[in-house]
N, C-alpha and C. Protein backbone atom coordinates (compact mmCIF):
# COMPACT_ATOMS: atom_id res chain seq x y z
N MET A 1 -36.13 25.60 -36.83
CA MET A 1 -34.91 26.13 -37.55
C MET A 1 -34.24 27.05 -36.47
N PRO A 2 -32.92 26.85 -36.23
CA PRO A 2 -32.22 27.66 -35.20
C PRO A 2 -32.34 29.14 -35.58
N ARG A 3 -32.44 29.96 -34.53
CA ARG A 3 -32.39 31.40 -34.67
C ARG A 3 -31.42 32.06 -33.80
N CYS A 4 -30.84 33.11 -34.20
CA CYS A 4 -29.85 33.90 -33.37
C CYS A 4 -30.71 34.70 -32.33
N LEU A 5 -30.22 34.74 -31.07
CA LEU A 5 -30.87 35.61 -30.16
C LEU A 5 -30.52 37.04 -30.50
N PRO A 6 -31.41 37.93 -30.25
CA PRO A 6 -31.20 39.34 -30.46
C PRO A 6 -30.14 39.82 -29.57
N LYS A 7 -29.16 40.69 -29.98
CA LYS A 7 -28.16 41.31 -29.15
C LYS A 7 -28.86 42.29 -28.14
N ARG A 8 -28.29 42.25 -26.90
CA ARG A 8 -28.78 43.19 -25.84
C ARG A 8 -28.23 44.57 -26.21
N LYS A 9 -28.94 45.57 -25.89
CA LYS A 9 -28.49 46.91 -26.03
C LYS A 9 -27.38 47.18 -24.99
N PRO A 10 -26.24 47.81 -25.33
CA PRO A 10 -25.22 48.04 -24.31
C PRO A 10 -25.68 48.78 -23.06
N ASP A 11 -26.58 49.73 -23.29
CA ASP A 11 -27.03 50.50 -22.07
C ASP A 11 -27.94 49.75 -21.19
N THR A 12 -28.32 48.55 -21.49
CA THR A 12 -29.17 47.74 -20.56
C THR A 12 -28.30 46.87 -19.65
N MET A 13 -26.96 46.85 -19.81
CA MET A 13 -26.18 46.00 -19.03
C MET A 13 -25.11 46.73 -18.33
N GLN A 14 -24.70 46.27 -17.15
CA GLN A 14 -23.67 46.90 -16.34
C GLN A 14 -22.64 45.80 -15.97
N GLN A 15 -21.40 46.25 -15.87
CA GLN A 15 -20.36 45.31 -15.37
C GLN A 15 -20.24 45.51 -13.91
N ARG A 16 -20.26 44.40 -13.13
CA ARG A 16 -20.01 44.43 -11.62
C ARG A 16 -18.80 43.53 -11.42
N ARG A 17 -18.04 43.80 -10.49
CA ARG A 17 -16.73 43.06 -10.27
C ARG A 17 -16.66 42.47 -8.95
N SER A 18 -15.99 41.32 -8.85
CA SER A 18 -15.76 40.72 -7.59
C SER A 18 -14.87 41.66 -6.71
N PRO A 19 -15.01 41.80 -5.38
CA PRO A 19 -14.18 42.64 -4.68
C PRO A 19 -12.67 41.98 -4.49
N LEU A 20 -12.48 40.77 -4.93
CA LEU A 20 -11.32 40.06 -4.74
C LEU A 20 -10.35 40.18 -5.96
N ASP A 21 -10.91 39.80 -7.20
CA ASP A 21 -10.00 39.70 -8.30
C ASP A 21 -10.55 40.42 -9.57
N GLY A 22 -11.59 41.20 -9.37
CA GLY A 22 -12.10 41.98 -10.59
C GLY A 22 -12.80 41.17 -11.55
N SER A 23 -13.13 39.86 -11.32
CA SER A 23 -13.87 39.15 -12.35
C SER A 23 -15.24 39.69 -12.56
N ALA A 24 -15.71 39.82 -13.93
CA ALA A 24 -16.93 40.56 -14.16
C ALA A 24 -18.09 39.68 -13.82
N LEU A 25 -19.13 40.26 -13.27
CA LEU A 25 -20.41 39.61 -12.95
C LEU A 25 -21.50 40.49 -13.69
N ASN A 26 -22.20 39.95 -14.66
CA ASN A 26 -23.26 40.72 -15.40
C ASN A 26 -24.58 40.60 -14.63
N ASP A 27 -25.08 41.85 -14.36
CA ASP A 27 -26.42 41.98 -13.71
C ASP A 27 -27.26 42.86 -14.56
N SER A 28 -28.58 42.64 -14.52
CA SER A 28 -29.46 43.62 -15.14
C SER A 28 -29.54 44.89 -14.39
N ALA A 29 -29.87 45.99 -15.04
CA ALA A 29 -29.92 47.22 -14.46
C ALA A 29 -31.03 47.19 -13.35
N SER A 30 -32.04 46.46 -13.42
CA SER A 30 -33.16 46.49 -12.59
C SER A 30 -32.74 45.90 -11.24
N GLY A 31 -31.80 45.00 -11.22
CA GLY A 31 -31.32 44.43 -9.96
C GLY A 31 -30.18 45.11 -9.32
N ASP A 32 -29.66 46.11 -9.92
CA ASP A 32 -28.40 46.72 -9.38
C ASP A 32 -28.64 47.44 -7.99
N ALA A 33 -29.83 48.10 -7.92
CA ALA A 33 -30.06 48.87 -6.71
C ALA A 33 -30.22 47.94 -5.59
N GLU A 34 -30.86 46.82 -5.80
CA GLU A 34 -31.05 45.85 -4.66
C GLU A 34 -29.80 45.25 -4.25
N GLU A 35 -28.88 44.92 -5.26
CA GLU A 35 -27.63 44.24 -5.02
C GLU A 35 -26.69 45.16 -4.29
N ASP A 36 -26.66 46.41 -4.73
CA ASP A 36 -25.85 47.45 -4.09
C ASP A 36 -26.15 47.59 -2.70
N ALA A 37 -27.52 47.66 -2.35
CA ALA A 37 -27.94 47.77 -0.99
C ALA A 37 -27.48 46.58 -0.11
N GLN A 38 -27.55 45.32 -0.73
CA GLN A 38 -27.06 44.13 0.01
C GLN A 38 -25.57 44.17 0.13
N GLY A 39 -24.84 44.56 -0.96
CA GLY A 39 -23.39 44.67 -0.92
C GLY A 39 -22.88 45.59 0.14
N ALA A 40 -23.64 46.69 0.40
CA ALA A 40 -23.29 47.75 1.34
C ALA A 40 -23.38 47.24 2.80
N LEU A 41 -24.07 46.17 3.06
CA LEU A 41 -24.24 45.64 4.40
C LEU A 41 -23.04 44.83 4.74
N PRO A 42 -22.32 45.12 5.83
CA PRO A 42 -21.08 44.40 6.16
C PRO A 42 -21.43 42.89 6.65
N ASN A 43 -20.54 42.01 6.27
CA ASN A 43 -20.72 40.63 6.63
C ASN A 43 -19.38 40.16 7.33
N TRP A 44 -19.41 39.16 8.01
CA TRP A 44 -18.19 38.50 8.55
C TRP A 44 -17.70 37.47 7.54
N TYR A 45 -16.38 37.48 7.41
CA TYR A 45 -15.66 36.46 6.47
C TYR A 45 -14.58 35.93 7.27
N VAL A 46 -13.95 34.84 6.68
CA VAL A 46 -12.93 34.07 7.39
C VAL A 46 -11.59 34.31 6.73
N ILE A 47 -10.60 34.64 7.56
CA ILE A 47 -9.18 34.81 7.09
C ILE A 47 -8.44 33.55 7.58
N GLN A 48 -7.79 32.84 6.63
CA GLN A 48 -6.84 31.81 7.04
C GLN A 48 -5.44 32.34 7.17
N CYS A 49 -4.86 32.07 8.37
CA CYS A 49 -3.61 32.65 8.68
C CYS A 49 -2.49 31.65 8.46
N LYS A 50 -1.29 32.15 8.30
CA LYS A 50 -0.09 31.28 8.28
C LYS A 50 0.16 30.69 9.59
N GLY A 51 0.82 29.52 9.61
CA GLY A 51 0.98 28.72 10.88
C GLY A 51 1.62 29.54 11.95
N GLY A 52 1.01 29.64 13.16
CA GLY A 52 1.55 30.35 14.32
C GLY A 52 1.53 31.84 14.09
N GLU A 53 0.74 32.41 13.23
CA GLU A 53 0.79 33.89 13.00
C GLU A 53 -0.64 34.52 13.02
N SER A 54 -1.61 33.94 13.72
CA SER A 54 -2.89 34.51 13.76
C SER A 54 -2.88 35.78 14.58
N PHE A 55 -2.08 35.86 15.63
CA PHE A 55 -2.00 37.06 16.44
C PHE A 55 -1.44 38.21 15.56
N ARG A 56 -0.40 37.87 14.84
CA ARG A 56 0.29 38.83 13.97
C ARG A 56 -0.67 39.35 12.94
N ALA A 57 -1.43 38.45 12.35
CA ALA A 57 -2.38 38.85 11.25
C ALA A 57 -3.50 39.72 11.89
N ALA A 58 -3.95 39.36 13.08
CA ALA A 58 -5.00 40.16 13.63
C ALA A 58 -4.47 41.54 13.99
N GLU A 59 -3.23 41.59 14.50
CA GLU A 59 -2.58 42.90 14.83
C GLU A 59 -2.49 43.83 13.61
N HIS A 60 -1.99 43.26 12.54
CA HIS A 60 -1.70 44.08 11.32
C HIS A 60 -3.04 44.53 10.59
N LEU A 61 -3.98 43.55 10.61
CA LEU A 61 -5.26 43.94 10.03
C LEU A 61 -5.93 45.07 10.81
N THR A 62 -5.84 44.94 12.21
CA THR A 62 -6.52 46.01 13.08
C THR A 62 -5.73 47.33 12.82
N ASN A 63 -4.42 47.37 12.67
CA ASN A 63 -3.70 48.56 12.42
C ASN A 63 -4.11 49.21 11.14
N GLN A 64 -4.56 48.40 10.16
CA GLN A 64 -5.05 49.00 8.96
C GLN A 64 -6.44 49.40 8.94
N GLY A 65 -7.11 49.29 10.06
CA GLY A 65 -8.43 49.82 10.25
C GLY A 65 -9.59 48.88 10.05
N TYR A 66 -9.19 47.52 9.86
CA TYR A 66 -10.30 46.51 9.69
C TYR A 66 -10.85 46.08 10.99
N GLU A 67 -12.10 45.62 10.99
CA GLU A 67 -12.76 45.23 12.16
C GLU A 67 -12.42 43.69 12.21
N VAL A 68 -11.86 43.19 13.28
CA VAL A 68 -11.34 41.81 13.32
C VAL A 68 -11.83 41.18 14.53
N PHE A 69 -12.26 39.97 14.53
CA PHE A 69 -12.64 39.13 15.68
C PHE A 69 -11.74 37.95 15.74
N HIS A 70 -10.89 37.89 16.70
CA HIS A 70 -9.91 36.82 16.86
C HIS A 70 -10.16 36.12 18.20
N PRO A 71 -11.11 35.14 18.21
CA PRO A 71 -11.40 34.52 19.43
C PRO A 71 -10.25 33.70 20.07
N VAL A 72 -10.06 33.97 21.37
CA VAL A 72 -9.00 33.33 22.08
C VAL A 72 -9.47 32.79 23.45
N LEU A 73 -8.67 31.93 24.00
CA LEU A 73 -9.06 31.31 25.34
C LEU A 73 -7.82 31.21 26.17
N ASP A 74 -8.02 31.22 27.49
CA ASP A 74 -6.89 31.04 28.38
C ASP A 74 -6.81 29.55 28.76
N VAL A 75 -5.58 28.98 28.56
CA VAL A 75 -5.41 27.52 28.88
C VAL A 75 -4.19 27.42 29.80
N LYS A 76 -4.16 26.32 30.47
CA LYS A 76 -3.09 26.05 31.43
C LYS A 76 -2.08 25.21 30.73
N ARG A 77 -0.85 25.74 30.87
CA ARG A 77 0.35 24.98 30.19
C ARG A 77 1.39 24.82 31.32
N ARG A 78 2.32 23.92 31.06
CA ARG A 78 3.45 23.83 31.94
C ARG A 78 4.73 24.37 31.16
N ARG A 79 5.42 25.31 31.91
CA ARG A 79 6.58 25.91 31.42
C ARG A 79 7.64 25.82 32.50
N GLN A 80 8.65 25.12 32.11
CA GLN A 80 9.82 24.87 32.96
C GLN A 80 9.37 24.23 34.28
N GLY A 81 8.39 23.24 34.01
CA GLY A 81 7.86 22.48 35.20
C GLY A 81 6.83 23.15 36.04
N LYS A 82 6.42 24.36 35.70
CA LYS A 82 5.45 25.18 36.44
C LYS A 82 4.19 25.39 35.60
N PRO A 83 3.01 25.25 36.18
CA PRO A 83 1.74 25.64 35.44
C PRO A 83 1.64 26.99 35.33
N VAL A 84 1.31 27.39 34.11
CA VAL A 84 1.01 28.87 33.73
C VAL A 84 -0.14 28.91 32.87
N MET A 85 -0.82 30.15 32.91
CA MET A 85 -1.97 30.33 32.07
C MET A 85 -1.39 31.09 30.83
N VAL A 86 -1.81 30.66 29.63
CA VAL A 86 -1.40 31.27 28.44
C VAL A 86 -2.65 31.51 27.49
N THR A 87 -2.60 32.58 26.67
CA THR A 87 -3.65 32.93 25.81
C THR A 87 -3.37 32.27 24.44
N GLU A 88 -4.33 31.40 23.99
CA GLU A 88 -4.15 30.74 22.70
C GLU A 88 -5.39 31.03 21.80
N PRO A 89 -5.19 30.97 20.46
CA PRO A 89 -6.34 31.19 19.61
C PRO A 89 -7.34 30.00 19.74
N LEU A 90 -8.66 30.33 19.68
CA LEU A 90 -9.61 29.23 19.73
C LEU A 90 -9.59 28.46 18.42
N PHE A 91 -9.29 29.11 17.28
CA PHE A 91 -9.15 28.56 15.94
C PHE A 91 -7.66 28.85 15.58
N PRO A 92 -6.70 27.93 15.71
CA PRO A 92 -5.30 28.34 15.57
C PRO A 92 -4.89 28.96 14.20
N TYR A 93 -5.68 28.63 13.17
CA TYR A 93 -5.29 29.12 11.85
C TYR A 93 -6.23 30.12 11.24
N TYR A 94 -7.30 30.55 12.05
CA TYR A 94 -8.35 31.39 11.47
C TYR A 94 -8.69 32.56 12.35
N LEU A 95 -9.19 33.58 11.69
CA LEU A 95 -9.78 34.70 12.36
C LEU A 95 -10.99 35.29 11.49
N PHE A 96 -11.79 36.18 12.07
CA PHE A 96 -12.89 36.58 11.35
C PHE A 96 -12.65 38.15 10.99
N ILE A 97 -13.20 38.59 9.91
CA ILE A 97 -12.96 39.98 9.48
C ILE A 97 -14.34 40.50 8.90
N ARG A 98 -14.71 41.70 9.28
CA ARG A 98 -16.02 42.29 8.83
C ARG A 98 -15.80 43.25 7.73
N LEU A 99 -16.43 42.98 6.62
CA LEU A 99 -16.25 43.75 5.44
C LEU A 99 -17.64 43.96 4.74
N ASP A 100 -17.65 45.00 3.88
CA ASP A 100 -18.82 45.07 2.89
C ASP A 100 -18.20 45.09 1.49
N GLN A 101 -19.04 44.95 0.47
CA GLN A 101 -18.59 44.79 -0.94
C GLN A 101 -18.55 46.18 -1.64
N ILE A 102 -18.92 47.35 -0.94
CA ILE A 102 -18.93 48.58 -1.56
C ILE A 102 -17.94 49.49 -1.13
N VAL A 103 -17.75 49.71 0.21
CA VAL A 103 -16.77 50.69 0.77
C VAL A 103 -15.46 50.03 1.13
N SER A 104 -15.55 48.79 1.69
CA SER A 104 -14.28 48.20 2.22
C SER A 104 -13.24 47.98 1.10
N ASN A 105 -12.02 48.22 1.52
CA ASN A 105 -10.86 47.94 0.52
C ASN A 105 -10.38 46.57 0.90
N TRP A 106 -10.62 45.64 -0.07
CA TRP A 106 -10.28 44.17 0.13
C TRP A 106 -8.79 43.91 -0.26
N ARG A 107 -8.17 44.69 -1.19
CA ARG A 107 -7.00 44.34 -1.73
C ARG A 107 -5.75 44.19 -0.80
N PRO A 108 -5.63 45.09 0.22
CA PRO A 108 -4.53 44.97 1.19
C PRO A 108 -4.51 43.72 1.99
N ILE A 109 -5.69 43.04 2.06
CA ILE A 109 -5.77 41.89 2.99
C ILE A 109 -4.80 40.79 2.56
N ARG A 110 -4.64 40.50 1.29
CA ARG A 110 -3.78 39.47 0.80
C ARG A 110 -2.38 39.60 1.22
N SER A 111 -1.89 40.83 1.17
CA SER A 111 -0.52 41.05 1.49
C SER A 111 -0.17 41.48 2.91
N THR A 112 -1.17 41.33 3.76
CA THR A 112 -1.00 41.62 5.20
C THR A 112 -0.12 40.48 5.89
N ARG A 113 0.81 40.87 6.64
CA ARG A 113 1.65 39.89 7.38
C ARG A 113 0.82 38.94 8.23
N GLY A 114 1.09 37.67 8.06
CA GLY A 114 0.38 36.69 8.83
C GLY A 114 -0.80 36.12 8.09
N VAL A 115 -1.28 36.75 7.07
CA VAL A 115 -2.40 36.32 6.36
C VAL A 115 -2.02 35.40 5.25
N LEU A 116 -2.69 34.27 5.11
CA LEU A 116 -2.46 33.28 4.01
C LEU A 116 -3.46 33.57 2.92
N ARG A 117 -4.79 33.62 3.29
CA ARG A 117 -5.79 33.95 2.20
C ARG A 117 -7.16 34.19 2.88
N LEU A 118 -8.05 34.75 2.07
CA LEU A 118 -9.47 34.89 2.51
C LEU A 118 -10.19 33.71 1.92
N LEU A 119 -10.90 32.93 2.81
CA LEU A 119 -11.71 31.79 2.37
C LEU A 119 -12.71 32.13 1.36
N THR A 120 -12.69 31.43 0.22
CA THR A 120 -13.67 31.68 -0.81
C THR A 120 -14.25 30.42 -1.39
N PHE A 121 -15.35 30.54 -2.06
CA PHE A 121 -15.90 29.42 -2.88
C PHE A 121 -15.79 29.84 -4.31
N GLY A 122 -14.82 29.31 -5.06
CA GLY A 122 -14.47 29.91 -6.32
C GLY A 122 -13.87 31.32 -6.09
N ASN A 123 -14.46 32.28 -6.70
CA ASN A 123 -13.97 33.69 -6.46
C ASN A 123 -14.79 34.43 -5.52
N THR A 124 -15.78 33.81 -4.89
CA THR A 124 -16.70 34.41 -4.03
C THR A 124 -16.34 34.25 -2.57
N PRO A 125 -16.10 35.30 -1.76
CA PRO A 125 -15.83 35.12 -0.37
C PRO A 125 -16.89 34.52 0.36
N ILE A 126 -16.59 33.66 1.32
CA ILE A 126 -17.61 32.84 2.11
C ILE A 126 -18.03 33.70 3.30
N ALA A 127 -19.25 34.14 3.30
CA ALA A 127 -19.73 34.89 4.44
C ALA A 127 -20.15 34.00 5.60
N VAL A 128 -19.86 34.44 6.84
CA VAL A 128 -20.20 33.67 8.00
C VAL A 128 -21.48 34.30 8.61
N PRO A 129 -22.38 33.52 9.10
CA PRO A 129 -23.57 34.13 9.77
C PRO A 129 -23.12 34.97 10.92
N SER A 130 -23.72 36.12 11.01
CA SER A 130 -23.45 37.02 12.17
C SER A 130 -23.74 36.33 13.50
N ALA A 131 -24.88 35.48 13.37
CA ALA A 131 -25.28 34.83 14.70
C ALA A 131 -24.14 33.88 15.16
N LEU A 132 -23.37 33.30 14.35
CA LEU A 132 -22.28 32.44 14.80
C LEU A 132 -21.25 33.31 15.59
N VAL A 133 -20.81 34.39 14.92
CA VAL A 133 -19.91 35.23 15.53
C VAL A 133 -20.32 35.79 16.89
N GLU A 134 -21.68 36.23 16.95
CA GLU A 134 -22.17 36.71 18.16
C GLU A 134 -22.16 35.62 19.25
N ALA A 135 -22.48 34.41 18.85
CA ALA A 135 -22.49 33.27 19.79
C ALA A 135 -21.09 33.01 20.39
N LEU A 136 -20.05 33.12 19.50
CA LEU A 136 -18.75 32.99 20.03
C LEU A 136 -18.31 34.14 20.95
N ARG A 137 -18.79 35.31 20.66
CA ARG A 137 -18.47 36.44 21.53
C ARG A 137 -19.17 36.28 22.89
N ALA A 138 -20.29 35.64 22.95
CA ALA A 138 -21.07 35.54 24.09
C ALA A 138 -20.57 34.42 25.07
N GLN A 139 -19.63 33.57 24.56
CA GLN A 139 -19.16 32.39 25.40
C GLN A 139 -18.46 32.99 26.63
N PRO A 140 -18.91 32.66 27.95
CA PRO A 140 -18.23 33.23 29.03
C PRO A 140 -16.82 32.77 29.29
N HIS A 141 -16.51 31.54 28.92
CA HIS A 141 -15.12 31.07 29.24
C HIS A 141 -14.15 31.36 28.15
N ARG A 142 -14.58 32.21 27.10
CA ARG A 142 -13.65 32.63 26.06
C ARG A 142 -13.55 34.05 26.16
N GLN A 143 -12.40 34.60 25.81
CA GLN A 143 -12.17 36.06 25.78
C GLN A 143 -12.82 36.56 24.47
N GLU A 144 -13.03 37.81 24.40
CA GLU A 144 -13.63 38.51 23.30
C GLU A 144 -12.85 38.45 22.03
N GLY A 145 -11.61 38.02 22.12
CA GLY A 145 -10.75 38.13 20.94
C GLY A 145 -10.24 39.51 20.80
N ILE A 146 -10.53 40.34 21.82
CA ILE A 146 -10.00 41.77 21.83
C ILE A 146 -8.70 41.64 22.53
N HIS A 147 -7.73 40.96 21.89
CA HIS A 147 -6.43 40.76 22.42
C HIS A 147 -5.79 42.14 22.37
N THR A 148 -4.81 42.37 23.31
CA THR A 148 -4.13 43.65 23.27
C THR A 148 -3.16 43.61 22.14
N TYR A 149 -3.32 44.46 21.14
CA TYR A 149 -2.35 44.40 19.98
C TYR A 149 -1.48 45.71 20.14
N PHE A 150 -0.17 45.48 19.91
CA PHE A 150 0.75 46.57 19.93
C PHE A 150 1.29 46.94 18.60
N SER A 151 1.59 48.19 18.49
CA SER A 151 2.14 48.65 17.08
C SER A 151 3.59 48.88 17.32
N ALA A 152 4.38 48.68 16.21
CA ALA A 152 5.83 48.93 16.30
C ALA A 152 6.06 50.41 16.69
N GLY A 153 7.02 50.65 17.64
CA GLY A 153 7.32 51.98 18.09
C GLY A 153 6.48 52.44 19.28
N GLU A 154 5.45 51.71 19.68
CA GLU A 154 4.57 52.05 20.69
C GLU A 154 5.26 51.87 22.09
N LYS A 155 4.99 52.75 23.03
CA LYS A 155 5.52 52.65 24.36
C LYS A 155 4.69 51.64 25.17
N VAL A 156 5.39 50.72 25.88
CA VAL A 156 4.73 49.72 26.63
C VAL A 156 5.42 49.68 28.10
N THR A 157 4.69 49.07 28.98
CA THR A 157 5.16 48.96 30.35
C THR A 157 5.23 47.44 30.63
N ILE A 158 6.44 47.09 31.19
CA ILE A 158 6.68 45.66 31.50
C ILE A 158 5.97 45.38 32.85
N THR A 159 5.13 44.36 32.92
CA THR A 159 4.34 44.09 34.13
C THR A 159 4.84 42.91 35.00
N GLY A 160 6.00 42.24 34.48
CA GLY A 160 6.50 41.06 35.32
C GLY A 160 7.88 40.85 34.95
N GLY A 161 8.52 39.96 35.82
CA GLY A 161 9.94 39.61 35.57
C GLY A 161 10.93 40.65 36.13
N PRO A 162 12.17 40.57 35.83
CA PRO A 162 13.23 41.39 36.45
C PRO A 162 13.05 42.84 35.98
N PHE A 163 12.39 43.09 34.87
CA PHE A 163 12.32 44.52 34.41
C PHE A 163 10.91 45.09 34.73
N LYS A 164 10.23 44.62 35.67
CA LYS A 164 8.87 44.97 36.06
C LYS A 164 8.79 46.55 36.26
N ASP A 165 7.72 47.13 35.77
CA ASP A 165 7.49 48.59 35.88
C ASP A 165 8.32 49.47 35.02
N LEU A 166 9.23 48.95 34.20
CA LEU A 166 10.06 49.72 33.37
C LEU A 166 9.37 49.92 32.01
N GLU A 167 9.63 51.04 31.42
CA GLU A 167 9.06 51.36 30.09
C GLU A 167 9.94 50.86 29.00
N ALA A 168 9.34 50.33 27.89
CA ALA A 168 10.13 49.93 26.78
C ALA A 168 9.45 50.30 25.48
N ILE A 169 10.01 50.10 24.33
CA ILE A 169 9.42 50.36 23.06
C ILE A 169 9.12 49.01 22.37
N PHE A 170 7.92 48.80 22.02
CA PHE A 170 7.52 47.62 21.37
C PHE A 170 8.13 47.53 19.95
N GLN A 171 8.77 46.47 19.54
CA GLN A 171 9.35 46.31 18.24
C GLN A 171 8.45 45.36 17.34
N ARG A 172 8.22 44.17 17.82
CA ARG A 172 7.44 43.20 16.91
C ARG A 172 7.05 42.07 17.73
N CYS A 173 6.04 41.24 17.26
CA CYS A 173 5.63 39.97 17.81
C CYS A 173 6.70 38.89 17.37
N LYS A 174 6.79 37.91 18.22
CA LYS A 174 7.69 36.79 17.83
C LYS A 174 6.84 35.52 18.21
N GLY A 175 6.10 34.95 17.22
CA GLY A 175 5.23 33.94 17.44
C GLY A 175 3.96 34.38 18.09
N GLU A 176 3.26 33.46 18.74
CA GLU A 176 1.90 33.82 19.31
C GLU A 176 2.01 34.38 20.70
N GLU A 177 3.05 34.15 21.44
CA GLU A 177 3.12 34.46 22.80
C GLU A 177 4.22 35.38 23.18
N ARG A 178 5.15 35.72 22.31
CA ARG A 178 6.35 36.53 22.73
C ARG A 178 6.46 37.78 21.93
N ALA A 179 7.28 38.68 22.33
CA ALA A 179 7.50 39.97 21.67
C ALA A 179 8.96 40.38 21.82
N ILE A 180 9.41 41.17 20.86
CA ILE A 180 10.67 41.81 21.01
C ILE A 180 10.45 43.26 21.41
N VAL A 181 11.10 43.75 22.49
CA VAL A 181 10.99 45.08 22.93
C VAL A 181 12.42 45.82 23.01
N LEU A 182 12.41 46.98 23.00
CA LEU A 182 13.63 47.77 23.08
C LEU A 182 13.69 48.43 24.43
N LEU A 183 14.64 48.19 25.25
CA LEU A 183 14.73 48.57 26.62
C LEU A 183 16.07 49.27 26.88
N ASN A 184 16.12 50.37 27.60
CA ASN A 184 17.41 51.06 27.95
C ASN A 184 17.96 50.29 29.19
N VAL A 185 19.05 49.56 28.97
CA VAL A 185 19.68 48.85 30.13
C VAL A 185 21.18 49.29 30.29
N LEU A 186 21.46 49.86 31.41
CA LEU A 186 22.92 50.37 31.63
C LEU A 186 23.19 51.48 30.55
N GLN A 187 22.18 52.35 30.38
CA GLN A 187 22.38 53.52 29.36
C GLN A 187 22.53 53.06 27.98
N ARG A 188 22.18 51.68 27.60
CA ARG A 188 22.26 51.34 26.25
C ARG A 188 21.03 50.59 25.91
N PRO A 189 20.48 50.90 24.63
CA PRO A 189 19.29 50.11 24.20
C PRO A 189 19.56 48.65 23.91
N GLN A 190 18.75 47.85 24.47
CA GLN A 190 18.89 46.36 24.30
C GLN A 190 17.53 45.79 23.82
N HIS A 191 17.60 44.88 22.81
CA HIS A 191 16.51 44.22 22.39
C HIS A 191 16.26 42.90 23.31
N LEU A 192 15.08 42.85 23.88
CA LEU A 192 14.70 41.76 24.76
C LEU A 192 13.56 40.97 24.16
N ASN A 193 13.61 39.59 24.39
CA ASN A 193 12.59 38.77 23.89
C ASN A 193 11.80 38.36 25.19
N MET A 194 10.50 38.70 25.26
CA MET A 194 9.75 38.48 26.51
C MET A 194 8.34 38.09 26.13
N PRO A 195 7.63 37.54 27.21
CA PRO A 195 6.20 37.12 26.95
C PRO A 195 5.34 38.34 26.71
N LEU A 196 4.36 38.13 25.79
CA LEU A 196 3.44 39.23 25.46
C LEU A 196 2.50 39.50 26.69
N ASP A 197 2.28 38.52 27.55
CA ASP A 197 1.32 38.79 28.69
C ASP A 197 2.05 39.52 29.79
N GLN A 198 3.37 39.89 29.57
CA GLN A 198 4.05 40.76 30.60
C GLN A 198 4.14 42.22 30.11
N LEU A 199 3.36 42.54 29.09
CA LEU A 199 3.35 43.85 28.51
C LEU A 199 1.94 44.47 28.65
N ARG A 200 1.93 45.80 28.83
CA ARG A 200 0.63 46.50 28.74
C ARG A 200 1.01 47.83 28.01
N LYS A 201 -0.03 48.47 27.43
CA LYS A 201 0.13 49.73 26.83
C LYS A 201 0.69 50.76 27.81
N GLY A 202 1.64 51.64 27.36
CA GLY A 202 2.29 52.49 28.29
C GLY A 202 1.27 53.53 28.93
N ASP A 203 0.19 53.86 28.27
CA ASP A 203 -0.65 54.90 28.86
C ASP A 203 -1.78 54.30 29.63
N ALA A 204 -1.75 52.83 29.79
CA ALA A 204 -2.81 52.18 30.45
C ALA A 204 -2.78 52.38 31.97
């Protein structure tokens, strides 16, 4: 004959929530300490970026204090009939971000410029093995992904072209390879569109 299961006492249950959307996950009190310890350990996760905006996403996430790994590599392209070396993302639409489930603030990630979404399985973020990220970092023919990121209003020095060695003010990125800077030309501020690889930080 069917019987009703006895109700659990309220003080034996705790509500735990997903860092992404607040969906409740019920855990027994005895397992909370262990799960809290695991959640406090940072893991690498994958950010999917909007098309052509992985550098922008990495820059804005870095400016917000997140630890980001954006693997890039130098490739040879032809520009105006001449071979040039350009820096391109190893994974054009993706980058890695290191977070924990206790301290890290996940909510601003969604609204960050250049970010499309955090890869999940259902509502659970997909963690990437640290060994994979370390293996990517160790590749000698690839850069660390520690691309030089500039902030709006930051002083930069132009390293090539007709304005070489002049100081300018960084305004914003334009695509993966170019930037808009503000430069005083003939005593007037002018906005210039120029390659990112012709800029360095002003105090470098």
